Amino acid sequence: MNFKEHACRWCREEAFEVVVQGPDLLLDNPGKFQFVRCNNCGLFRQNPYLDWEELSNFYPETYSSYQPQASEISSHVKRWDKRYGLWKRVKLIHKHKPEGKWIDIGAGTGRILQEASLWEKWRLSGIEPVEHAAKYIQDRTGIEVFSGRLESFTGHADTYDIVTMWDVLEHLEDPIAGFSKVKEILVSGGIFVFSMPNMHSWDRRVFKQFWIGYDLPRHLHLFPEPVLLEILDAMGFSVLEKRCVAGSHGAFMLNLLFWNRKAKSGLLEKMLNLGPDSILPRIASFIPLWLLDQLKFGSNITYVVQKK
């Protein structure tokens, strides 16, 4: 593997402290990776890291972002479950921008775009670096998708009313350049909605190196809130809202799965073998996870920010 060292993307400091080291827990690919904390500003980065040419091999067609669109799920219950999470995200967009041009960056297989198209409120488009996923969206929805990385997107300045990144910023090689590109293509007063692993979540404290938010080696950056707010202000964004909108059940089950590889609990293994969509774990975890989401301690946090 061809690893690359790099300084902090925000403050350019090279010195760091190692936070966590480990393998690819999600897909069991070979290699050992690490997250470090910048000694100056506190931004977390994977260092050293793999460039996209090698890292793209860690995104197989079975990766979670490339699941089929909700309309292709045969089970009514599972289809409703998937659509409910998507509906909550679209509802959040509608609250802040009920119409206009909306581009979804890192669109995956277009699940959000498909749900948004049912509202008939926005002119939709997307950006997706994985070619087969971009083609999947266009074939099934007719929505225009740029097949390539954000860095190579040549969209016109001051074009979009809404830009979204659902669990994408942490995957960018240079998230500061990503913020800059978003600011460039947004109209004045436009909104940028993004979700990411919540550094203040309860499960990061409990599960430590087994926390799914690290997701080595795919996650390249993580943002403690003080440095995130500093970046947003300096880049010309003001925060309108933050909330845990994605729900934490899926992350909780993965955290347990990773943790149990060390704990080796037979009882927990039996529960995990039921699968993440099993009704019993969902019922047992619903109220505590819902409360944690309301307190903004959920696994994933979503920000709505506006271009000043």
Protein backbone atom coordinates (compact mmCIF):
# COMPACT_ATOMS: atom_id res chain seq x y z
CA MET A 1 0.00 0.00 0.00
CA ASN A 2 1.24 3.44 -0.93
CA PHE A 3 0.64 5.59 2.18
CA LYS A 4 1.00 9.37 2.09
CA GLU A 5 1.88 11.68 4.98
CA HIS A 6 0.17 15.07 5.13
CA ALA A 7 -0.07 18.13 7.35
CA CYS A 8 -3.35 19.35 8.85
CA ARG A 9 -5.60 20.56 6.04
CA TRP A 10 -6.87 23.46 8.14
CA CYS A 11 -3.92 25.02 9.99
CA ARG A 12 -1.06 23.25 8.12
CA GLU A 13 0.50 22.02 11.37
CA GLU A 14 2.48 18.81 10.90
CA ALA A 15 2.79 17.74 14.55
CA PHE A 16 0.12 15.36 15.84
CA GLU A 17 -0.92 12.91 18.53
CA VAL A 18 -2.09 9.40 17.62
CA VAL A 19 -5.70 8.85 18.71
CA VAL A 20 -6.61 5.38 17.46
CA GLN A 21 -5.02 2.62 15.40
CA GLY A 22 -6.71 -0.37 13.85
CA PRO A 23 -7.78 -2.44 10.84
CA ASP A 24 -10.72 -2.13 8.48
CA LEU A 25 -13.37 -3.33 10.93
CA LEU A 26 -16.26 -2.95 8.52
CA LEU A 27 -15.02 -4.94 5.52
CA ASP A 28 -12.01 -6.85 6.93
CA ASN A 29 -9.64 -5.65 4.22
CA PRO A 30 -5.90 -5.99 4.98
CA GLY A 31 -3.89 -3.13 6.44
CA LYS A 32 -3.49 -1.09 9.62
CA PHE A 33 -4.50 2.56 9.76
CA GLN A 34 -4.62 5.40 12.28
CA PHE A 35 -6.37 8.63 13.19
CA VAL A 36 -4.30 11.48 14.63
CA ARG A 37 -5.24 14.78 16.29
CA CYS A 38 -3.59 18.00 15.11
CA ASN A 39 -1.47 19.45 17.91
CA ASN A 40 -2.49 22.99 16.95
CA CYS A 41 -6.17 23.18 15.94
CA GLY A 42 -7.47 19.74 17.03
CA LEU A 43 -8.75 18.52 13.65
CA PHE A 44 -8.64 14.72 13.36
CA ARG A 45 -7.08 13.26 10.23
CA GLN A 46 -6.07 9.84 8.99
CA ASN A 47 -2.30 10.05 8.68
CA PRO A 48 -0.75 8.49 6.73
CA TYR A 49 -3.56 7.79 4.27
CA LEU A 50 -4.18 6.13 0.90
CA ASP A 51 -4.89 8.27 -2.15
CA TRP A 52 -8.13 7.75 -4.06
CA GLU A 53 -6.58 5.38 -6.60
CA GLU A 54 -5.94 2.83 -3.84
CA LEU A 55 -8.68 3.86 -1.43
CA SER A 56 -11.38 3.34 -4.06
CA ASN A 57 -10.74 -0.40 -3.67
CA PHE A 58 -12.20 -0.11 -0.16
CA TYR A 59 -15.59 0.93 -1.62
CA PRO A 60 -16.98 -2.29 -3.19
CA GLU A 61 -20.43 -2.47 -4.78
CA THR A 62 -21.70 -3.97 -1.50
CA TYR A 63 -20.73 -0.82 0.46
CA SER A 64 -23.66 0.72 2.36
CA SER A 65 -23.85 3.84 0.16
CA TYR A 66 -24.56 1.63 -2.86
CA GLN A 67 -27.66 -0.10 -1.57
CA PRO A 68 -30.63 -0.18 -3.98
CA GLN A 69 -33.12 2.66 -3.95
CA ALA A 70 -36.06 2.25 -1.60
CA SER A 71 -38.48 1.59 -4.45
CA GLU A 72 -36.62 -1.65 -5.24
CA ILE A 73 -37.04 -3.16 -1.75
CA SER A 74 -39.72 -5.85 -1.97
CA SER A 75 -40.74 -5.90 1.71
CA HIS A 76 -43.30 -3.18 2.52
CA VAL A 77 -42.06 -2.90 6.10
CA LYS A 78 -38.37 -2.60 5.15
CA ARG A 79 -39.21 -0.17 2.34
CA TRP A 80 -41.17 2.02 4.75
CA ASP A 81 -38.33 1.85 7.28
CA LYS A 82 -35.75 3.01 4.71
CA ARG A 83 -38.02 5.72 3.32
CA TYR A 84 -38.78 7.11 6.76
CA GLY A 85 -35.12 7.99 7.35
CA LEU A 86 -34.87 9.56 3.90
CA TRP A 87 -38.14 11.44 4.42
CA LYS A 88 -36.78 13.02 7.63
CA ARG A 89 -33.79 14.39 5.75
CA VAL A 90 -35.91 15.78 2.91
CA LYS A 91 -38.30 17.31 5.44
CA LEU A 92 -35.34 19.13 7.02
CA ILE A 93 -34.40 20.57 3.62
CA HIS A 94 -38.00 21.62 2.99
CA LYS A 95 -38.09 23.43 6.31
CA HIS A 96 -35.21 25.70 5.26
CA LYS A 97 -35.52 25.80 1.44
CA PRO A 98 -38.87 24.57 0.08
CA GLU A 99 -37.86 25.16 -3.55
CA GLY A 100 -34.87 25.88 -5.79
CA LYS A 101 -31.88 24.08 -7.31
CA TRP A 102 -30.51 21.27 -5.15
CA ILE A 103 -27.33 19.30 -5.77
CA ASP A 104 -26.45 16.25 -3.66
CA ILE A 105 -22.69 15.60 -3.40
CA GLY A 106 -21.67 11.98 -2.89
CA ALA A 107 -25.10 10.85 -4.03
CA GLY A 108 -24.40 7.11 -3.78
CA THR A 109 -27.26 5.31 -5.52
CA GLY A 110 -29.51 8.36 -5.27
CA ARG A 111 -31.76 7.31 -2.41
CA ILE A 112 -32.09 10.89 -1.15
CA LEU A 113 -32.57 12.24 -4.67
CA GLN A 114 -35.30 9.69 -5.39
CA GLU A 115 -37.16 10.60 -2.19
CA ALA A 116 -36.79 14.33 -2.90
CA SER A 117 -38.12 13.87 -6.44
CA LEU A 118 -41.42 12.59 -5.00
CA TRP A 119 -41.97 16.01 -3.39
CA GLU A 120 -41.79 17.76 -6.80
CA LYS A 121 -40.33 20.87 -5.15
CA TRP A 122 -36.75 21.12 -6.38
CA ARG A 123 -34.63 20.93 -9.54
CA LEU A 124 -32.35 18.06 -8.60
CA SER A 125 -28.87 16.95 -9.61
CA GLY A 126 -26.00 15.04 -8.05
CA ILE A 127 -22.28 14.31 -7.94
CA GLU A 128 -21.03 10.76 -7.44
CA PRO A 129 -17.40 9.60 -7.88
CA VAL A 130 -18.23 5.92 -8.44
CA GLU A 131 -19.30 5.48 -12.06
CA HIS A 132 -21.66 2.50 -11.66
CA ALA A 133 -23.56 4.32 -8.89
CA ALA A 134 -23.90 7.53 -10.93
CA LYS A 135 -25.22 5.52 -13.88
CA TYR A 136 -27.66 3.68 -11.58
CA ILE A 137 -29.20 7.01 -10.50
CA GLN A 138 -29.56 8.34 -14.03
CA ASP A 139 -31.02 5.08 -15.37
CA ARG A 140 -33.68 4.85 -12.64
CA THR A 141 -34.60 8.49 -12.01
CA GLY A 142 -33.45 10.51 -15.03
CA ILE A 143 -31.77 12.94 -12.62
CA GLU A 144 -28.57 14.47 -14.00
CA VAL A 145 -25.49 13.19 -12.15
CA PHE A 146 -21.88 14.27 -12.63
CA SER A 147 -19.75 11.12 -12.51
CA GLY A 148 -16.52 12.21 -10.84
CA ARG A 149 -14.99 13.60 -7.68
CA LEU A 150 -16.00 16.95 -6.21
CA GLU A 151 -12.53 18.34 -6.92
CA SER A 152 -13.08 17.93 -10.67
CA PHE A 153 -16.64 19.30 -10.75
CA THR A 154 -16.80 22.43 -12.93
CA GLY A 155 -20.24 23.75 -12.00
CA HIS A 156 -20.85 27.46 -12.33
CA ALA A 157 -20.50 29.78 -9.35
CA ASP A 158 -23.63 31.06 -7.55
CA THR A 159 -25.82 28.35 -9.09
CA TYR A 160 -27.42 26.23 -6.34
CA ASP A 161 -29.87 27.12 -3.59
CA ILE A 162 -29.15 23.88 -1.71
CA VAL A 163 -26.04 21.72 -1.46
CA THR A 164 -26.14 18.51 0.58
CA MET A 165 -23.48 16.07 1.75
CA TRP A 166 -24.83 13.12 3.70
CA ASP A 167 -21.89 11.37 5.40
CA VAL A 168 -19.43 12.65 2.80
CA LEU A 169 -17.16 15.30 4.38
CA GLU A 170 -15.33 12.71 6.45
CA HIS A 171 -14.41 10.88 3.22
CA LEU A 172 -12.83 13.88 1.46
CA GLU A 173 -9.08 14.03 1.01
CA ASP A 174 -9.24 17.82 1.44
CA PRO A 175 -12.46 18.83 3.23
CA ILE A 176 -11.35 22.49 3.39
CA ALA A 177 -11.29 22.57 -0.41
CA GLY A 178 -14.71 20.90 -0.24
CA PHE A 179 -16.11 23.71 1.90
CA SER A 180 -14.62 26.21 -0.54
CA LYS A 181 -16.21 24.49 -3.55
CA VAL A 182 -19.61 24.42 -1.82
CA LYS A 183 -19.36 28.14 -1.04
CA GLU A 184 -18.46 28.83 -4.66
CA ILE A 185 -21.45 27.05 -6.20
CA LEU A 186 -24.02 28.22 -3.61
CA VAL A 187 -26.03 31.39 -4.19
CA SER A 188 -25.91 34.06 -1.50
CA GLY A 189 -28.26 32.94 1.27
CA GLY A 190 -28.18 29.36 -0.01
CA ILE A 191 -28.01 26.50 2.48
CA PHE A 192 -25.45 23.74 2.91
CA VAL A 193 -26.70 20.68 4.79
CA PHE A 194 -24.18 18.04 5.82
CA SER A 195 -24.04 15.11 8.21
CA MET A 196 -20.99 13.47 9.75
CA PRO A 197 -19.93 11.24 12.65
CA ASN A 198 -20.69 13.03 15.91
CA MET A 199 -17.46 13.53 17.87
CA HIS A 200 -19.55 14.23 20.98
CA SER A 201 -21.63 11.07 20.67
CA TRP A 202 -22.14 8.69 23.56
CA ASP A 203 -20.94 5.70 21.54
CA ARG A 204 -17.56 7.24 20.75
CA ARG A 205 -16.95 7.47 24.50
CA VAL A 206 -18.23 3.95 25.21
CA PHE A 207 -16.86 1.92 22.28
CA LYS A 208 -13.59 3.85 21.81
CA GLN A 209 -11.52 2.24 19.00
CA PHE A 210 -14.53 0.15 17.96
CA TRP A 211 -16.63 3.26 17.18
CA ILE A 212 -18.01 3.10 13.63
CA GLY A 213 -17.33 6.84 13.25
CA TYR A 214 -13.64 6.11 12.74
CA ASP A 215 -14.37 3.65 9.88
CA LEU A 216 -10.72 3.23 8.93
CA PRO A 217 -9.51 3.60 6.22
CA ARG A 218 -12.50 5.26 4.47
CA HIS A 219 -12.92 8.16 6.89
CA LEU A 220 -10.10 10.63 6.36
CA HIS A 221 -11.18 13.53 8.62
CA LEU A 222 -13.29 14.05 11.74
CA PHE A 223 -14.37 17.40 13.14
CA PRO A 224 -14.55 18.29 16.84
CA GLU A 225 -17.19 21.01 17.07
CA PRO A 226 -14.86 23.92 18.07
CA VAL A 227 -12.69 23.48 14.97
CA LEU A 228 -15.74 22.85 12.76
CA LEU A 229 -17.35 26.13 13.88
CA GLU A 230 -14.07 27.96 13.33
CA ILE A 231 -13.85 26.58 9.78
CA LEU A 232 -17.47 27.41 8.97
CA ASP A 233 -17.13 30.99 10.19
CA ALA A 234 -13.87 31.56 8.33
CA MET A 235 -15.35 30.08 5.13
CA GLY A 236 -18.36 32.37 5.27
CA PHE A 237 -21.11 30.16 6.69
CA SER A 238 -23.46 30.76 9.61
CA VAL A 239 -25.08 27.85 11.49
CA LEU A 240 -28.88 27.75 11.34
CA GLU A 241 -29.51 24.41 13.02
CA LYS A 242 -27.87 21.20 14.16
CA ARG A 243 -29.60 17.97 15.08
CA CYS A 244 -29.30 14.19 15.09
CA VAL A 245 -31.66 13.44 12.24
CA ALA A 246 -30.28 10.15 10.88
CA GLY A 247 -31.05 7.87 13.82
CA SER A 248 -28.44 5.81 15.66
CA HIS A 249 -29.68 2.21 15.53
CA GLY A 250 -27.58 1.05 12.57
CA ALA A 251 -24.41 2.59 14.02
CA PHE A 252 -25.19 1.06 17.43
CA MET A 253 -25.45 -2.44 15.96
CA LEU A 254 -22.14 -2.04 14.10
CA ASN A 255 -20.46 -0.75 17.27
CA LEU A 256 -21.66 -3.85 19.12
CA LEU A 257 -20.49 -6.10 16.31
CA PHE A 258 -16.98 -4.63 16.33
CA TRP A 259 -16.75 -4.56 20.13
CA ASN A 260 -17.89 -8.18 20.45
CA ARG A 261 -14.97 -9.39 18.34
CA LYS A 262 -12.92 -8.66 21.43
CA ALA A 263 -15.54 -9.34 24.14
CA LYS A 264 -16.72 -12.63 22.54
CA SER A 265 -20.10 -12.61 24.29
CA GLY A 266 -22.17 -15.60 23.16
CA LEU A 267 -25.46 -13.93 24.11
CA LEU A 268 -24.58 -10.75 22.23
CA GLU A 269 -23.51 -12.78 19.21
CA LYS A 270 -26.91 -14.49 19.11
CA MET A 271 -28.62 -11.08 19.13
CA LEU A 272 -26.33 -9.74 16.41
CA ASN A 273 -27.01 -12.81 14.28
CA LEU A 274 -30.64 -11.73 14.10
CA GLY A 275 -29.48 -8.89 11.82
CA PRO A 276 -29.68 -5.09 12.11
CA ASP A 277 -33.32 -5.00 10.96
CA SER A 278 -34.54 -7.46 13.60
CA ILE A 279 -37.50 -6.11 15.55
CA LEU A 280 -36.30 -7.14 19.03
CA PRO A 281 -33.06 -5.06 19.08
CA ARG A 282 -34.96 -2.14 17.56
CA ILE A 283 -37.64 -2.19 20.26
CA ALA A 284 -35.09 -2.60 23.07
CA SER A 285 -32.90 0.27 21.87
CA PHE A 286 -35.53 2.67 20.51
CA ILE A 287 -36.22 4.85 23.57
CA PRO A 288 -32.63 5.27 24.84
CA LEU A 289 -31.29 5.97 21.34
CA TRP A 290 -34.15 8.40 20.62
CA LEU A 291 -33.39 10.30 23.83
CA LEU A 292 -29.69 10.48 22.98
CA ASP A 293 -30.55 11.83 19.52
CA GLN A 294 -32.75 14.53 21.09
CA LEU A 295 -29.83 15.52 23.34
CA LYS A 296 -27.53 15.64 20.27
CA PHE A 297 -25.41 12.76 21.57
CA GLY A 298 -26.40 10.45 18.69
CA SER A 299 -23.91 8.67 16.46
CA ASN A 300 -24.36 11.11 13.60
CA ILE A 301 -24.88 14.88 13.61
CA THR A 302 -26.41 17.06 10.85
CA TYR A 303 -25.71 20.77 10.37
CA VAL A 304 -27.73 23.26 8.37
CA VAL A 305 -25.56 26.27 7.52
CA GLN A 306 -26.15 29.29 5.29
CA LYS A 307 -23.80 31.15 2.98
CA LYS A 308 -23.45 34.65 4.39
